[in-house]
C-alpha atoms as a PDB file:
ATOM      1  CA  MET A   1      -0.217  -0.145   0.159  1.00  0.00           C
ATOM      2  CA  LEU A   2       0.784   3.779  -0.491  1.00  0.00           C
ATOM      3  CA  SER A   3       1.639   6.290   1.655  1.00  0.00           C
ATOM      4  CA  HIS A   4       0.824   9.413   1.734  1.00  0.00           C
ATOM      5  CA  GLU A   5       3.758  10.631   0.478  1.00  0.00           C
ATOM      6  CA  GLY A   6       4.232   8.035  -2.294  1.00  0.00           C
ATOM      7  CA  TRP A   7       0.763   8.859  -3.031  1.00  0.00           C
ATOM      8  CA  ASN A   8       1.176  12.610  -3.509  1.00  0.00           C
ATOM      9  CA  ASN A   9       4.838  11.796  -5.467  1.00  0.00           C
ATOM     10  CA  LEU A  10       2.433   9.495  -7.619  1.00  0.00           C
ATOM     11  CA  LYS A  11      -0.068  12.075  -8.072  1.00  0.00           C
ATOM     12  CA  HIS A  12       2.581  14.877  -8.912  1.00  0.00           C
ATOM     13  CA  LYS A  13       4.395  12.327 -11.741  1.00  0.00           C
ATOM     14  CA  SER A  14       0.992  11.794 -13.186  1.00  0.00           C
ATOM     15  CA  VAL A  15      -0.118  15.437 -13.280  1.00  0.00           C
ATOM     16  CA  GLN A  16       3.557  16.585 -14.843  1.00  0.00           C
ATOM     17  CA  ALA A  17       3.327  13.809 -17.246  1.00  0.00           C
ATOM     18  CA  ASP A  18      -0.118  14.886 -18.446  1.00  0.00           C
ATOM     19  CA  LYS A  19       1.174  18.704 -18.823  1.00  0.00           C
ATOM     20  CA  ASP A  20       3.995  16.911 -21.115  1.00  0.00           C
ATOM     21  CA  VAL A  21       1.162  15.335 -23.216  1.00  0.00           C
ATOM     22  CA  HIS A  22      -0.522  18.841 -23.428  1.00  0.00           C
ATOM     23  CA  SER A  23       2.991  20.766 -23.998  1.00  0.00           C
ATOM     24  CA  LYS A  24       3.556  18.074 -26.776  1.00  0.00           C
ATOM     25  CA  LEU A  25       0.417  18.463 -28.627  1.00  0.00           C
ATOM     26  CA  ALA A  26       0.637  21.912 -28.189  1.00  0.00           C
ATOM     27  CA  ILE A  27       3.754  22.256 -30.170  1.00  0.00           C
ATOM     28  CA  PHE A  28       2.575  19.939 -32.464  1.00  0.00           C
ATOM     29  CA  VAL A  29      -1.023  21.860 -33.378  1.00  0.00           C
ATOM     30  CA  ALA A  30       0.924  25.199 -33.485  1.00  0.00           C
ATOM     31  CA  ARG A  31       3.776  23.355 -36.014  1.00  0.00           C
ATOM     32  CA  LEU A  32       0.812  21.840 -38.246  1.00  0.00           C
ATOM     33  CA  ALA A  33      -1.097  25.379 -38.142  1.00  0.00           C
ATOM     34  CA  ASP A  34       2.425  27.336 -39.168  1.00  0.00           C
ATOM     35  CA  ASP A  35       3.111  24.422 -42.264  1.00  0.00           C
ATOM     36  CA  MET A  36      -0.576  24.448 -43.146  1.00  0.00           C
ATOM     37  CA  SER A  37      -0.408  28.479 -43.146  1.00  0.00           C
ATOM     38  CA  CYS A  38       2.888  28.326 -45.191  1.00  0.00           C
ATOM     39  CA  THR A  39       1.328  26.078 -47.423  1.00  0.00           C
ATOM     40  CA  GLN A  40      -2.027  28.153 -48.390  1.00  0.00           C
ATOM     41  CA  PHE A  41       0.101  31.665 -48.989  1.00  0.00           C
ATOM     42  CA  ALA A  42       1.703  29.847 -51.762  1.00  0.00           C
ATOM     43  CA  PHE A  43      -1.760  27.770 -52.964  1.00  0.00           C
ATOM     44  CA  ALA A  44      -3.419  31.036 -52.648  1.00  0.00           C
ATOM     45  CA  ASN A  45      -1.366  33.175 -54.575  1.00  0.00           C
ATOM     46  CA  VAL A  46      -0.500  30.245 -57.206  1.00  0.00           C
ATOM     47  CA  VAL A  47      -4.660  30.627 -57.795  1.00  0.00           C
ATOM     48  CA  THR A  48      -5.190  34.216 -58.061  1.00  0.00           C
ATOM     49  CA  ILE A  49      -1.827  34.589 -60.366  1.00  0.00           C
ATOM     50  CA  MET A  50      -2.308  31.804 -62.772  1.00  0.00           C
ATOM     51  CA  TYR A  51      -6.151  32.591 -62.945  1.00  0.00           C
ATOM     52  CA  HIS A  52      -5.556  36.256 -63.943  1.00  0.00           C
ATOM     53  CA  ILE A  53      -2.353  35.408 -66.387  1.00  0.00           C
ATOM     54  CA  LEU A  54      -5.342  33.043 -67.674  1.00  0.00           C
ATOM     55  CA  GLU A  55      -8.187  35.048 -67.873  1.00  0.00           C
ATOM     56  CA  ALA A  56      -5.913  37.446 -69.786  1.00  0.00           C
ATOM     57  CA  GLY A  57      -4.272  34.685 -72.222  1.00  0.00           C
ATOM     58  CA  THR A  58      -7.808  32.820 -72.941  1.00  0.00           C
ATOM     59  CA  HIS A  59      -9.603  36.361 -73.126  1.00  0.00           C
ATOM     60  CA  ASN A  60     -11.604  34.764 -69.941  1.00  0.00           C
ATOM     61  CA  MET A  61     -12.093  31.290 -71.237  1.00  0.00           C
ATOM     62  CA  SER A  62     -10.049  29.563 -68.059  1.00  0.00           C
ATOM     63  CA  GLU A  63     -12.761  28.163 -66.404  1.00  0.00           C
ATOM     64  CA  GLY A  64     -15.803  28.515 -69.436  1.00  0.00           C
ATOM     65  CA  ASP A  65     -19.424  29.530 -69.170  1.00  0.00           C
ATOM     66  CA  ALA A  66     -20.778  27.833 -66.296  1.00  0.00           C
ATOM     67  CA  PRO A  67     -23.032  30.285 -64.148  1.00  0.00           C
ATOM     68  CA  ARG A  68     -21.686  30.919 -60.573  1.00  0.00           C
ATOM     69  CA  PRO A  69     -22.653  32.848 -57.708  1.00  0.00           C
ATOM     70  CA  LEU A  70     -21.044  36.550 -58.185  1.00  0.00           C
ATOM     71  CA  TRP A  71     -19.267  36.247 -55.112  1.00  0.00           C
ATOM     72  CA  LEU A  72     -17.455  33.134 -56.132  1.00  0.00           C
ATOM     73  CA  ASN A  73     -14.856  34.463 -58.579  1.00  0.00           C
ATOM     74  CA  SER A  74     -13.271  37.198 -56.118  1.00  0.00           C
ATOM     75  CA  SER A  75     -13.760  35.074 -53.297  1.00  0.00           C
ATOM     76  CA  VAL A  76     -11.584  32.274 -54.865  1.00  0.00           C
ATOM     77  CA  HIS A  77      -9.546  34.831 -57.188  1.00  0.00           C
ATOM     78  CA  ILE A  78      -8.399  37.742 -55.072  1.00  0.00           C
ATOM     79  CA  PHE A  79      -9.847  38.026 -51.247  1.00  0.00           C
ATOM     80  CA  ASN A  80      -8.087  34.562 -50.514  1.00  0.00           C
ATOM     81  CA  SER A  81      -4.695  35.850 -51.243  1.00  0.00           C
ATOM     82  CA  ILE A  82      -5.631  39.156 -49.203  1.00  0.00           C
ATOM     83  CA  CYS A  83      -6.035  36.934 -46.220  1.00  0.00           C
ATOM     84  CA  VAL A  84      -2.870  34.788 -46.963  1.00  0.00           C
ATOM     85  CA  TRP A  85      -0.962  37.847 -47.158  1.00  0.00           C
ATOM     86  CA  VAL A  86      -2.346  39.586 -43.925  1.00  0.00           C
ATOM     87  CA  ASP A  87      -1.397  36.195 -41.947  1.00  0.00           C
ATOM     88  CA  LEU A  88       1.995  36.139 -43.338  1.00  0.00           C
ATOM     89  CA  LEU A  89       2.110  40.079 -42.290  1.00  0.00           C
ATOM     90  CA  LEU A  90       0.335  39.410 -38.940  1.00  0.00           C
ATOM     91  CA  SER A  91       0.960  35.931 -37.563  1.00  0.00           C
ATOM     92  CA  GLN A  92       4.444  35.925 -36.827  1.00  0.00           C
ATOM     93  CA  PRO A  93       6.636  34.002 -36.949  1.00  0.00           C
ATOM     94  CA  ARG A  94       5.761  31.603 -39.737  1.00  0.00           C
ATOM     95  CA  THR A  95       8.401  29.585 -40.492  1.00  0.00           C
ATOM     96  CA  PHE A  96       8.089  28.197 -44.526  1.00  0.00           C
ATOM     97  CA  ASN A  97      10.284  25.356 -43.181  1.00  0.00           C
ATOM     98  CA  PRO A  98      10.915  21.846 -44.976  1.00  0.00           C
ATOM     99  CA  ALA A  99       8.046  20.118 -43.942  1.00  0.00           C
ATOM    100  CA  SER A 100       5.715  23.370 -45.293  1.00  0.00           C
ATOM    101  CA  ARG A 101       7.393  22.828 -48.261  1.00  0.00           C
ATOM    102  CA  ASN A 102       6.546  19.471 -48.541  1.00  0.00           C
ATOM    103  CA  MET A 103       3.169  19.479 -47.372  1.00  0.00           C
ATOM    104  CA  THR A 104       3.311  22.238 -50.583  1.00  0.00           C
ATOM    105  CA  ALA A 105       4.815  19.834 -52.821  1.00  0.00           C
ATOM    106  CA  LEU A 106       2.158  17.164 -51.916  1.00  0.00           C
ATOM    107  CA  LEU A 107      -0.928  19.101 -52.194  1.00  0.00           C
ATOM    108  CA  ALA A 108       0.706  20.331 -55.644  1.00  0.00           C
ATOM    109  CA  ALA A 109       0.743  16.632 -56.861  1.00  0.00           C
ATOM    110  CA  SER A 110      -2.235  15.789 -55.266  1.00  0.00           C
ATOM    111  CA  TYR A 111      -4.501  18.782 -57.122  1.00  0.00           C
ATOM    112  CA  PHE A 112      -2.391  17.423 -60.797  1.00  0.00           C
ATOM    113  CA  GLY A 113      -3.502  14.070 -59.806  1.00  0.00           C
ATOM    114  CA  TRP A 114      -6.979  14.847 -59.238  1.00  0.00           C
ATOM    115  CA  ILE A 115      -7.518  16.952 -62.304  1.00  0.00           C
ATOM    116  CA  LEU A 116      -6.079  13.854 -64.321  1.00  0.00           C
ATOM    117  CA  VAL A 117      -8.491  11.488 -62.683  1.00  0.00           C
ATOM    118  CA  CYS A 118     -11.497  14.223 -63.488  1.00  0.00           C
ATOM    119  CA  ARG A 119     -10.406  13.885 -67.020  1.00  0.00           C
ATOM    120  CA  GLU A 120     -10.458  10.246 -66.920  1.00  0.00           C
ATOM    121  CA  VAL A 121     -13.470   9.830 -65.379  1.00  0.00           C
ATOM    122  CA  HIS A 122     -15.319  12.804 -67.073  1.00  0.00           C
ATOM    123  CA  GLY A 123     -13.947  13.081 -70.729  1.00  0.00           C
ATOM    124  CA  LYS A 124     -12.505  16.278 -70.133  1.00  0.00           C
ATOM    125  CA  PHE A 125     -10.770  18.538 -67.574  1.00  0.00           C
ATOM    126  CA  PRO A 126     -12.287  20.438 -64.745  1.00  0.00           C
ATOM    127  CA  TYR A 127     -11.006  23.797 -65.856  1.00  0.00           C
ATOM    128  CA  PRO A 128     -12.374  23.844 -69.346  1.00  0.00           C
ATOM    129  CA  PHE A 129      -9.647  26.228 -70.852  1.00  0.00           C
ATOM    130  CA  LEU A 130      -7.204  22.702 -70.560  1.00  0.00           C
ATOM    131  CA  ASN A 131      -9.657  20.862 -73.098  1.00  0.00           C
ATOM    132  CA  HIS A 132      -8.237  23.280 -75.789  1.00  0.00           C
ATOM    133  CA  LEU A 133      -4.591  22.460 -75.345  1.00  0.00           C
ATOM    134  CA  PRO A 134      -2.937  19.475 -77.148  1.00  0.00           C
ATOM    135  CA  HIS A 135      -2.858  16.540 -74.845  1.00  0.00           C
ATOM    136  CA  PRO A 136      -0.476  15.780 -73.006  1.00  0.00           C
ATOM    137  CA  SER A 137       1.989  18.348 -73.586  1.00  0.00           C
ATOM    138  CA  GLY A 138      -0.542  21.717 -73.326  1.00  0.00           C
ATOM    139  CA  VAL A 139      -1.676  20.057 -69.707  1.00  0.00           C
ATOM    140  CA  ILE A 140       2.005  19.201 -68.865  1.00  0.00           C
ATOM    141  CA  GLY A 141       3.248  22.913 -69.729  1.00  0.00           C
ATOM    142  CA  VAL A 142       0.409  24.249 -67.104  1.00  0.00           C
ATOM    143  CA  ALA A 143       1.527  22.063 -64.351  1.00  0.00           C
ATOM    144  CA  THR A 144       5.379  23.206 -65.015  1.00  0.00           C
ATOM    145  CA  ALA A 145       4.321  26.850 -65.070  1.00  0.00           C
ATOM    146  CA  SER A 146       2.193  26.187 -61.976  1.00  0.00           C
ATOM    147  CA  VAL A 147       4.967  24.753 -60.602  1.00  0.00           C
ATOM    148  CA  ILE A 148       7.713  27.439 -60.867  1.00  0.00           C
ATOM    149  CA  VAL A 149       4.719  29.938 -59.696  1.00  0.00           C
ATOM    150  CA  LEU A 150       4.211  27.774 -56.755  1.00  0.00           C
ATOM    151  CA  VAL A 151       8.314  27.601 -55.738  1.00  0.00           C
ATOM    152  CA  SER A 152       8.985  31.240 -56.595  1.00  0.00           C
ATOM    153  CA  VAL A 153       5.489  32.241 -54.482  1.00  0.00           C
ATOM    154  CA  PHE A 154       6.876  30.062 -51.774  1.00  0.00           C
ATOM    155  CA  GLN A 155       9.929  31.308 -51.698  1.00  0.00           C
ATOM    156  CA  LEU A 156       8.957  34.884 -51.517  1.00  0.00           C
ATOM    157  CA  GLY A 157       6.633  34.051 -48.353  1.00  0.00           C
ATOM    158  CA  ARG A 158       9.838  33.064 -47.137  1.00  0.00           C
ATOM    159  CA  LEU A 159      11.975  35.595 -47.663  1.00  0.00           C
ATOM    160  CA  ILE A 160       9.482  38.363 -46.781  1.00  0.00           C
ATOM    161  CA  ASN A 161       9.177  35.865 -43.418  1.00  0.00           C
ATOM    162  CA  ASN A 162      12.686  36.155 -42.412  1.00  0.00           C
ATOM    163  CA  ILE A 163      12.805  40.226 -43.465  1.00  0.00           C
ATOM    164  CA  LEU A 164       9.654  40.600 -41.542  1.00  0.00           C
ATOM    165  CA  MET A 165      11.562  38.595 -38.501  1.00  0.00           C
ATOM    166  CA  GLN A 166      15.203  40.564 -38.736  1.00  0.00           C
ATOM    167  CA  VAL A 167      13.446  43.979 -38.464  1.00  0.00           C
ATOM    168  CA  GLN A 168      11.395  42.786 -35.253  1.00  0.00           C
ATOM    169  CA  ARG A 169      14.738  41.637 -33.835  1.00  0.00           C
ATOM    170  CA  ARG A 170      16.168  45.118 -34.532  1.00  0.00           C
ATOM    171  CA  PHE A 171      13.156  46.875 -33.116  1.00  0.00           C
ATOM    172  CA  VAL A 172      13.288  44.650 -29.651  1.00  0.00           C
ATOM    173  CA  SER A 173      17.004  44.648 -29.330  1.00  0.00           C
ATOM    174  CA  SER A 174      16.698  48.534 -29.770  1.00  0.00           C
ATOM    175  CA  ASN A 175      13.878  48.832 -27.505  1.00  0.00           C
ATOM    176  CA  GLN A 176      16.016  46.816 -24.733  1.00  0.00           C
ATOM    177  CA  ALA A 177      19.052  48.921 -25.146  1.00  0.00           C
ATOM    178  CA  LYS A 178      17.002  51.825 -24.675  1.00  0.00           C
ATOM    179  CA  HIS A 179      15.428  50.545 -21.253  1.00  0.00           C
ATOM    180  CA  LYS A 180      18.773  49.366 -20.267  1.00  0.00           C
ATOM    181  CA  VAL A 181      19.928  53.187 -20.399  1.00  0.00           C
ATOM    182  CA  ILE A 182      17.225  54.402 -18.448  1.00  0.00           C
END
């Protein structure tokens, strides 16, 4: 039978282990949220950039003539980019680490795979302009251009994040220096 002291030690260890689990879970969730935000930064901007390039190049034929709600185009092709830029600028730090890069690559490959499955199952691509391109070279060209834009935007996010972190460190160190003088 446990003494009162032994019971308290066991209870303390249990509480400490519970705190460790919660701490590890919180760290995991924070890292996952950061990785997902970095991935979303790249994708939202690629969607916006590619859409507007295609709209200009195909004279508004990138998505076809299907009726859509008025809010859909701006929410998918403008507001999503605004949201991820606000997140990048206000939710520091973002890491743009290898895990988020890998998540971005996996999502890009999965999305391209989904587009190919749609064509195989339905006989046409989900984006009408792809149906007018020579197959497979046109689709491969669009996929290649998308990957180039995706990598560039991801690197741009990393660069801007690093600049923001440097500015923040300088600001903090200058404020600390001011407080030491006083």
